[in-house]
Amino acid sequence: MRSKALPLLLLACAVLAPAVAGAFNFRFLRDSVLQRLTPEDIQIGSRATRVALDSGENGEWSNPATGASGTIRILATVDVDDRRGCRRTRLAVSAGGQAGSGTYILCKVRSGEWNFYTPRPGATLTPSQADPGAPANAT
């Protein structure tokens, strides 16, 4: 199955969806928190998300100008299907009195960006020994 750049923020750390906006797309939030995020919120959240994914450490972000904020929780580094060094990640975001969160698998692709990945039905997530700094075997 192809990797998907889902609404990642996760930007707000709980936001991921297919496509890439900046580095992440937040389509899954289109009827909720996403509507309340400003371009600056998305930029700040995307940057924090990339740092957390690259480092493997939890992260958070906030925009004092708008009050929007989010968290990025790295739950595990896993291998799934033919992908190595993917991050199982919990993203949460809050903006304008709305909140959203979700758990996603993100894998680094050859371009160096992190994309959302939907495992094949019945796929098993196994602890990874791969260096997540290197792109996964993605198309």
N, C-alpha and C. Protein backbone atom coordinates (compact mmCIF):
# COMPACT_ATOMS: atom_id res chain seq x y z
N MET A 1 0.84 -1.17 0.00
CA MET A 1 0.00 0.00 0.00
C MET A 1 0.89 1.24 0.00
N ARG A 2 0.47 2.29 -0.65
CA ARG A 2 1.30 3.49 -0.75
C ARG A 2 1.27 4.28 0.54
N SER A 3 2.33 5.02 0.78
CA SER A 3 2.32 5.87 1.95
C SER A 3 1.45 7.08 1.66
N LYS A 4 0.92 7.64 2.70
CA LYS A 4 0.05 8.79 2.55
C LYS A 4 0.54 9.90 3.45
N ALA A 5 0.56 11.07 2.93
CA ALA A 5 0.91 12.20 3.76
C ALA A 5 -0.41 12.69 4.30
N LEU A 6 -0.78 12.24 5.45
CA LEU A 6 -2.06 12.60 6.02
C LEU A 6 -1.94 13.90 6.77
N PRO A 7 -3.02 14.33 7.22
CA PRO A 7 -2.98 15.59 7.93
C PRO A 7 -2.07 15.41 9.08
N LEU A 8 -0.96 15.78 9.00
CA LEU A 8 0.08 15.54 10.00
C LEU A 8 0.11 16.48 11.10
N LEU A 9 0.04 17.04 11.56
CA LEU A 9 0.25 17.82 12.70
C LEU A 9 -0.22 17.14 13.80
N LEU A 10 -1.10 16.58 13.06
CA LEU A 10 -0.38 16.33 14.04
C LEU A 10 0.03 17.69 14.25
N LEU A 11 -0.05 18.44 13.32
CA LEU A 11 0.38 19.80 13.47
C LEU A 11 -0.05 20.15 14.75
N ALA A 12 -0.83 20.06 14.69
CA ALA A 12 -1.18 20.37 15.95
C ALA A 12 -0.98 19.11 16.61
N CYS A 13 -0.25 18.34 16.12
CA CYS A 13 0.15 17.15 16.75
C CYS A 13 -0.93 16.15 16.82
N ALA A 14 -1.90 16.30 16.24
CA ALA A 14 -2.91 15.29 16.29
C ALA A 14 -3.57 15.39 14.99
N VAL A 15 -2.82 15.72 14.08
CA VAL A 15 -3.40 16.00 12.82
C VAL A 15 -2.63 15.40 11.69
N LEU A 16 -3.20 14.50 11.02
CA LEU A 16 -2.49 13.96 9.88
C LEU A 16 -3.51 13.68 8.81
N ALA A 17 -3.06 13.68 7.59
CA ALA A 17 -3.94 13.33 6.49
C ALA A 17 -3.14 13.29 5.24
N PRO A 18 -3.71 12.78 4.16
CA PRO A 18 -2.93 12.65 2.95
C PRO A 18 -2.63 13.98 2.34
N ALA A 19 -1.49 14.07 1.77
CA ALA A 19 -1.05 15.28 1.10
C ALA A 19 -0.09 16.00 2.00
N VAL A 20 0.48 17.03 1.47
CA VAL A 20 1.45 17.75 2.25
C VAL A 20 1.19 19.24 2.17
N ALA A 21 1.06 19.86 3.31
CA ALA A 21 0.88 21.30 3.36
C ALA A 21 2.06 21.80 4.14
N GLY A 22 2.97 22.41 3.48
CA GLY A 22 4.21 22.75 4.15
C GLY A 22 4.92 21.44 4.22
N ALA A 23 4.75 20.71 5.26
CA ALA A 23 5.30 19.38 5.34
C ALA A 23 4.18 18.43 5.66
N PHE A 24 3.07 18.99 6.04
CA PHE A 24 1.98 18.14 6.45
C PHE A 24 0.65 18.69 6.01
N ASN A 25 -0.32 17.82 5.90
CA ASN A 25 -1.65 18.21 5.50
C ASN A 25 -2.62 17.85 6.60
N PHE A 26 -3.58 18.68 6.81
CA PHE A 26 -4.50 18.47 7.91
C PHE A 26 -5.92 18.25 7.46
N ARG A 27 -6.13 17.55 6.39
CA ARG A 27 -7.47 17.34 5.86
C ARG A 27 -8.40 16.66 6.84
N PHE A 28 -7.88 15.79 7.66
CA PHE A 28 -8.76 15.06 8.55
C PHE A 28 -9.39 16.00 9.56
N LEU A 29 -8.84 17.18 9.67
CA LEU A 29 -9.39 18.16 10.61
C LEU A 29 -10.25 19.19 9.90
N ARG A 30 -10.53 18.99 8.64
CA ARG A 30 -11.19 20.01 7.84
C ARG A 30 -12.50 20.50 8.43
N ASP A 31 -13.19 19.70 9.18
CA ASP A 31 -14.47 20.12 9.75
C ASP A 31 -14.36 20.43 11.23
N SER A 32 -13.15 20.63 11.71
CA SER A 32 -13.00 20.87 13.13
C SER A 32 -11.85 21.82 13.40
N VAL A 33 -10.87 21.33 14.10
CA VAL A 33 -9.73 22.15 14.51
C VAL A 33 -9.05 22.80 13.31
N LEU A 34 -8.94 22.10 12.23
CA LEU A 34 -8.23 22.62 11.06
C LEU A 34 -8.75 23.98 10.63
N GLN A 35 -10.03 24.16 10.67
CA GLN A 35 -10.62 25.44 10.28
C GLN A 35 -10.13 26.58 11.15
N ARG A 36 -9.68 26.27 12.33
CA ARG A 36 -9.27 27.30 13.26
C ARG A 36 -7.77 27.56 13.28
N LEU A 37 -7.02 26.77 12.54
CA LEU A 37 -5.57 26.94 12.49
C LEU A 37 -5.21 27.99 11.44
N THR A 38 -4.32 28.88 11.81
CA THR A 38 -3.84 29.88 10.87
C THR A 38 -2.63 29.31 10.11
N PRO A 39 -2.24 29.93 9.01
CA PRO A 39 -1.03 29.47 8.33
C PRO A 39 0.19 29.47 9.26
N GLU A 40 0.25 30.44 10.15
CA GLU A 40 1.36 30.49 11.11
C GLU A 40 1.29 29.30 12.08
N ASP A 41 0.08 28.95 12.54
CA ASP A 41 -0.08 27.78 13.41
C ASP A 41 0.44 26.53 12.71
N ILE A 42 0.05 26.37 11.45
CA ILE A 42 0.45 25.19 10.68
C ILE A 42 1.96 25.15 10.51
N GLN A 43 2.56 26.29 10.24
CA GLN A 43 4.02 26.35 10.08
C GLN A 43 4.72 25.96 11.38
N ILE A 44 4.28 26.53 12.48
CA ILE A 44 4.90 26.24 13.78
C ILE A 44 4.71 24.76 14.14
N GLY A 45 3.49 24.25 13.97
CA GLY A 45 3.19 22.86 14.29
C GLY A 45 3.94 21.88 13.41
N SER A 46 4.03 22.20 12.12
CA SER A 46 4.75 21.32 11.19
C SER A 46 6.22 21.23 11.54
N ARG A 47 6.80 22.36 11.86
CA ARG A 47 8.23 22.39 12.24
C ARG A 47 8.46 21.53 13.48
N ALA A 48 7.61 21.70 14.50
CA ALA A 48 7.77 20.92 15.73
C ALA A 48 7.57 19.42 15.48
N THR A 49 6.65 19.10 14.58
CA THR A 49 6.39 17.70 14.26
C THR A 49 7.59 17.07 13.57
N ARG A 50 8.18 17.78 12.62
CA ARG A 50 9.37 17.26 11.93
C ARG A 50 10.50 17.02 12.92
N VAL A 51 10.71 17.96 13.83
CA VAL A 51 11.78 17.82 14.82
C VAL A 51 11.53 16.58 15.68
N ALA A 52 10.29 16.39 16.14
CA ALA A 52 9.97 15.24 16.98
C ALA A 52 10.16 13.93 16.21
N LEU A 53 9.70 13.89 14.98
CA LEU A 53 9.85 12.67 14.19
C LEU A 53 11.31 12.36 13.91
N ASP A 54 12.09 13.38 13.56
CA ASP A 54 13.51 13.17 13.28
C ASP A 54 14.30 12.73 14.51
N SER A 55 13.97 13.31 15.66
CA SER A 55 14.73 13.02 16.88
C SER A 55 14.21 11.79 17.62
N GLY A 56 12.95 11.44 17.39
CA GLY A 56 12.34 10.34 18.14
C GLY A 56 11.92 10.75 19.53
N GLU A 57 11.93 12.04 19.80
CA GLU A 57 11.54 12.54 21.12
C GLU A 57 10.21 13.28 21.03
N ASN A 58 9.43 13.21 22.11
CA ASN A 58 8.16 13.91 22.15
C ASN A 58 8.37 15.41 21.96
N GLY A 59 7.33 16.07 21.48
CA GLY A 59 7.43 17.50 21.27
C GLY A 59 6.11 18.19 21.51
N GLU A 60 6.16 19.48 21.55
CA GLU A 60 4.95 20.28 21.66
C GLU A 60 5.18 21.61 20.98
N TRP A 61 4.10 22.30 20.70
CA TRP A 61 4.21 23.59 20.05
C TRP A 61 3.06 24.47 20.51
N SER A 62 3.25 25.76 20.37
CA SER A 62 2.17 26.69 20.67
C SER A 62 2.41 27.98 19.91
N ASN A 63 1.36 28.69 19.64
CA ASN A 63 1.42 29.99 19.01
C ASN A 63 0.77 30.99 19.95
N PRO A 64 1.56 31.76 20.69
CA PRO A 64 1.00 32.72 21.65
C PRO A 64 0.07 33.74 20.99
N ALA A 65 0.27 34.02 19.72
CA ALA A 65 -0.55 35.01 19.03
C ALA A 65 -1.99 34.52 18.82
N THR A 66 -2.17 33.20 18.68
CA THR A 66 -3.51 32.66 18.42
C THR A 66 -4.03 31.76 19.52
N GLY A 67 -3.15 31.30 20.40
CA GLY A 67 -3.54 30.36 21.45
C GLY A 67 -3.58 28.91 20.99
N ALA A 68 -3.31 28.66 19.73
CA ALA A 68 -3.30 27.29 19.23
C ALA A 68 -2.09 26.55 19.78
N SER A 69 -2.25 25.23 19.96
CA SER A 69 -1.13 24.43 20.49
C SER A 69 -1.32 22.97 20.11
N GLY A 70 -0.26 22.20 20.31
CA GLY A 70 -0.34 20.78 20.01
C GLY A 70 0.77 20.00 20.67
N THR A 71 0.59 18.68 20.66
CA THR A 71 1.61 17.79 21.19
C THR A 71 1.89 16.69 20.18
N ILE A 72 3.11 16.22 20.22
CA ILE A 72 3.54 15.11 19.38
C ILE A 72 4.14 14.08 20.31
N ARG A 73 3.57 12.88 20.35
CA ARG A 73 4.07 11.81 21.21
C ARG A 73 4.56 10.67 20.32
N ILE A 74 5.83 10.37 20.43
CA ILE A 74 6.40 9.25 19.69
C ILE A 74 6.15 8.00 20.54
N LEU A 75 5.27 7.14 20.06
CA LEU A 75 4.90 5.95 20.83
C LEU A 75 5.86 4.79 20.60
N ALA A 76 6.38 4.69 19.37
CA ALA A 76 7.30 3.59 19.05
C ALA A 76 7.92 3.83 17.69
N THR A 77 9.08 3.26 17.48
CA THR A 77 9.70 3.20 16.16
C THR A 77 9.49 1.77 15.68
N VAL A 78 8.83 1.63 14.54
CA VAL A 78 8.38 0.31 14.09
C VAL A 78 8.73 0.04 12.63
N ASP A 79 8.75 -1.24 12.30
CA ASP A 79 8.81 -1.70 10.92
C ASP A 79 7.42 -2.22 10.59
N VAL A 80 6.93 -1.89 9.42
CA VAL A 80 5.61 -2.36 8.99
C VAL A 80 5.65 -2.55 7.48
N ASP A 81 5.08 -3.65 7.03
CA ASP A 81 5.14 -3.98 5.61
C ASP A 81 6.60 -3.90 5.17
N ASP A 82 6.91 -3.17 4.11
CA ASP A 82 8.30 -3.06 3.66
C ASP A 82 8.96 -1.77 4.15
N ARG A 83 8.36 -1.10 5.09
CA ARG A 83 8.89 0.17 5.62
C ARG A 83 9.69 -0.10 6.89
N ARG A 84 10.80 0.60 7.02
CA ARG A 84 11.66 0.43 8.19
C ARG A 84 11.82 1.78 8.90
N GLY A 85 11.86 1.74 10.22
CA GLY A 85 12.11 2.95 11.00
C GLY A 85 10.97 3.95 10.98
N CYS A 86 9.75 3.46 10.88
CA CYS A 86 8.59 4.35 10.91
C CYS A 86 8.28 4.74 12.35
N ARG A 87 7.55 5.83 12.52
CA ARG A 87 7.18 6.27 13.87
C ARG A 87 5.67 6.09 14.07
N ARG A 88 5.32 5.37 15.11
CA ARG A 88 3.92 5.33 15.55
C ARG A 88 3.77 6.52 16.47
N THR A 89 2.88 7.43 16.10
CA THR A 89 2.85 8.75 16.72
C THR A 89 1.43 9.16 17.10
N ARG A 90 1.30 9.76 18.27
CA ARG A 90 0.01 10.32 18.72
C ARG A 90 0.10 11.82 18.57
N LEU A 91 -0.78 12.39 17.75
CA LEU A 91 -0.80 13.83 17.51
C LEU A 91 -2.06 14.43 18.11
N ALA A 92 -1.90 15.58 18.73
CA ALA A 92 -3.05 16.28 19.30
C ALA A 92 -2.91 17.77 19.03
N VAL A 93 -4.04 18.43 18.77
CA VAL A 93 -4.01 19.86 18.50
C VAL A 93 -5.24 20.52 19.11
N SER A 94 -5.06 21.76 19.48
CA SER A 94 -6.13 22.54 20.08
C SER A 94 -6.08 23.95 19.50
N ALA A 95 -7.24 24.43 19.06
CA ALA A 95 -7.30 25.78 18.49
C ALA A 95 -8.74 26.28 18.51
N GLY A 96 -8.94 27.52 18.89
CA GLY A 96 -10.27 28.12 18.85
C GLY A 96 -11.34 27.36 19.58
N GLY A 97 -11.00 26.77 20.71
CA GLY A 97 -11.99 26.03 21.49
C GLY A 97 -12.27 24.62 20.99
N GLN A 98 -11.57 24.18 19.96
CA GLN A 98 -11.73 22.83 19.43
C GLN A 98 -10.45 22.04 19.69
N ALA A 99 -10.60 20.72 19.77
CA ALA A 99 -9.44 19.86 19.96
C ALA A 99 -9.60 18.62 19.10
N GLY A 100 -8.48 18.06 18.67
CA GLY A 100 -8.50 16.83 17.89
C GLY A 100 -7.23 16.06 18.13
N SER A 101 -7.30 14.74 17.99
CA SER A 101 -6.10 13.93 18.17
C SER A 101 -6.27 12.62 17.41
N GLY A 102 -5.16 11.95 17.21
CA GLY A 102 -5.18 10.67 16.54
C GLY A 102 -3.82 10.00 16.62
N THR A 103 -3.81 8.71 16.38
CA THR A 103 -2.58 7.94 16.37
C THR A 103 -2.31 7.54 14.93
N TYR A 104 -1.08 7.79 14.48
CA TYR A 104 -0.72 7.58 13.08
C TYR A 104 0.63 6.89 12.96
N ILE A 105 0.85 6.29 11.80
CA ILE A 105 2.16 5.75 11.45
C ILE A 105 2.73 6.67 10.39
N LEU A 106 3.92 7.19 10.64
CA LEU A 106 4.59 8.05 9.67
C LEU A 106 5.92 7.43 9.31
N CYS A 107 6.21 7.41 8.02
CA CYS A 107 7.46 6.84 7.53
C CYS A 107 8.20 7.88 6.71
N LYS A 108 9.51 7.91 6.86
CA LYS A 108 10.34 8.84 6.11
C LYS A 108 10.55 8.29 4.71
N VAL A 109 10.34 9.14 3.72
CA VAL A 109 10.50 8.72 2.32
C VAL A 109 11.82 9.26 1.77
N ARG A 110 12.14 8.85 0.56
CA ARG A 110 13.44 9.21 -0.04
C ARG A 110 13.71 10.71 -0.05
N SER A 111 12.66 11.52 -0.18
CA SER A 111 12.84 12.97 -0.20
C SER A 111 13.25 13.51 1.16
N GLY A 112 13.15 12.66 2.20
CA GLY A 112 13.48 13.09 3.56
C GLY A 112 12.27 13.58 4.33
N GLU A 113 11.11 13.63 3.70
CA GLU A 113 9.89 14.05 4.39
C GLU A 113 9.22 12.85 5.04
N TRP A 114 8.42 13.13 6.04
CA TRP A 114 7.66 12.10 6.73
C TRP A 114 6.26 12.08 6.14
N ASN A 115 5.80 10.89 5.74
CA ASN A 115 4.46 10.73 5.18
C ASN A 115 3.67 9.75 6.04
N PHE A 116 2.36 9.96 6.07
CA PHE A 116 1.49 9.03 6.77
C PHE A 116 1.47 7.74 5.97
N TYR A 117 1.36 6.64 6.68
CA TYR A 117 1.36 5.35 6.03
C TYR A 117 0.22 4.51 6.58
N THR A 118 -0.52 3.89 5.70
CA THR A 118 -1.60 2.98 6.09
C THR A 118 -1.12 1.55 5.83
N PRO A 119 -0.92 0.78 6.90
CA PRO A 119 -0.45 -0.60 6.72
C PRO A 119 -1.45 -1.46 5.95
N ARG A 120 -0.94 -2.50 5.33
CA ARG A 120 -1.80 -3.47 4.66
C ARG A 120 -2.68 -4.15 5.71
N PRO A 121 -3.84 -4.61 5.31
CA PRO A 121 -4.69 -5.34 6.27
C PRO A 121 -3.93 -6.52 6.86
N GLY A 122 -4.01 -6.67 8.16
CA GLY A 122 -3.33 -7.77 8.84
C GLY A 122 -1.86 -7.55 9.09
N ALA A 123 -1.34 -6.38 8.72
CA ALA A 123 0.09 -6.10 8.93
C ALA A 123 0.43 -6.09 10.41
N THR A 124 1.65 -6.51 10.71
CA THR A 124 2.14 -6.52 12.07
C THR A 124 3.19 -5.42 12.24
N LEU A 125 3.07 -4.67 13.30
CA LEU A 125 4.08 -3.66 13.64
C LEU A 125 5.10 -4.34 14.53
N THR A 126 6.38 -4.27 14.13
CA THR A 126 7.42 -4.86 14.95
C THR A 126 8.41 -3.78 15.36
N PRO A 127 8.99 -3.89 16.55
CA PRO A 127 10.00 -2.91 16.96
C PRO A 127 11.09 -2.83 15.91
N SER A 128 11.52 -1.63 15.60
CA SER A 128 12.50 -1.43 14.54
C SER A 128 13.91 -1.32 15.06
N GLN A 129 14.83 -1.86 14.28
CA GLN A 129 16.26 -1.68 14.54
C GLN A 129 16.84 -0.69 13.54
N ALA A 130 15.99 -0.20 12.64
CA ALA A 130 16.45 0.70 11.58
C ALA A 130 16.68 2.11 12.13
N ASP A 131 17.54 2.83 11.44
CA ASP A 131 17.80 4.22 11.76
C ASP A 131 16.70 5.05 11.11
N PRO A 132 15.79 5.66 11.92
CA PRO A 132 14.71 6.43 11.32
C PRO A 132 15.20 7.68 10.62
N GLY A 133 16.45 8.04 10.80
CA GLY A 133 16.99 9.18 10.07
C GLY A 133 17.14 8.89 8.61
N ALA A 134 17.21 7.61 8.27
CA ALA A 134 17.32 7.22 6.86
C ALA A 134 15.91 6.98 6.32
N PRO A 135 15.66 7.39 5.08
CA PRO A 135 14.33 7.18 4.51
C PRO A 135 13.97 5.70 4.45
N ALA A 136 12.67 5.43 4.67
CA ALA A 136 12.17 4.06 4.57
C ALA A 136 12.17 3.64 3.11
N ASN A 137 12.01 2.36 2.89
CA ASN A 137 11.93 1.84 1.50
C ASN A 137 10.58 2.24 0.95
N ALA A 138 10.42 3.49 0.58
CA ALA A 138 9.13 3.97 0.11
C ALA A 138 9.19 4.32 -1.36
N THR A 139 8.02 4.32 -1.93
CA THR A 139 7.94 4.69 -3.34
C THR A 139 7.58 6.14 -3.47
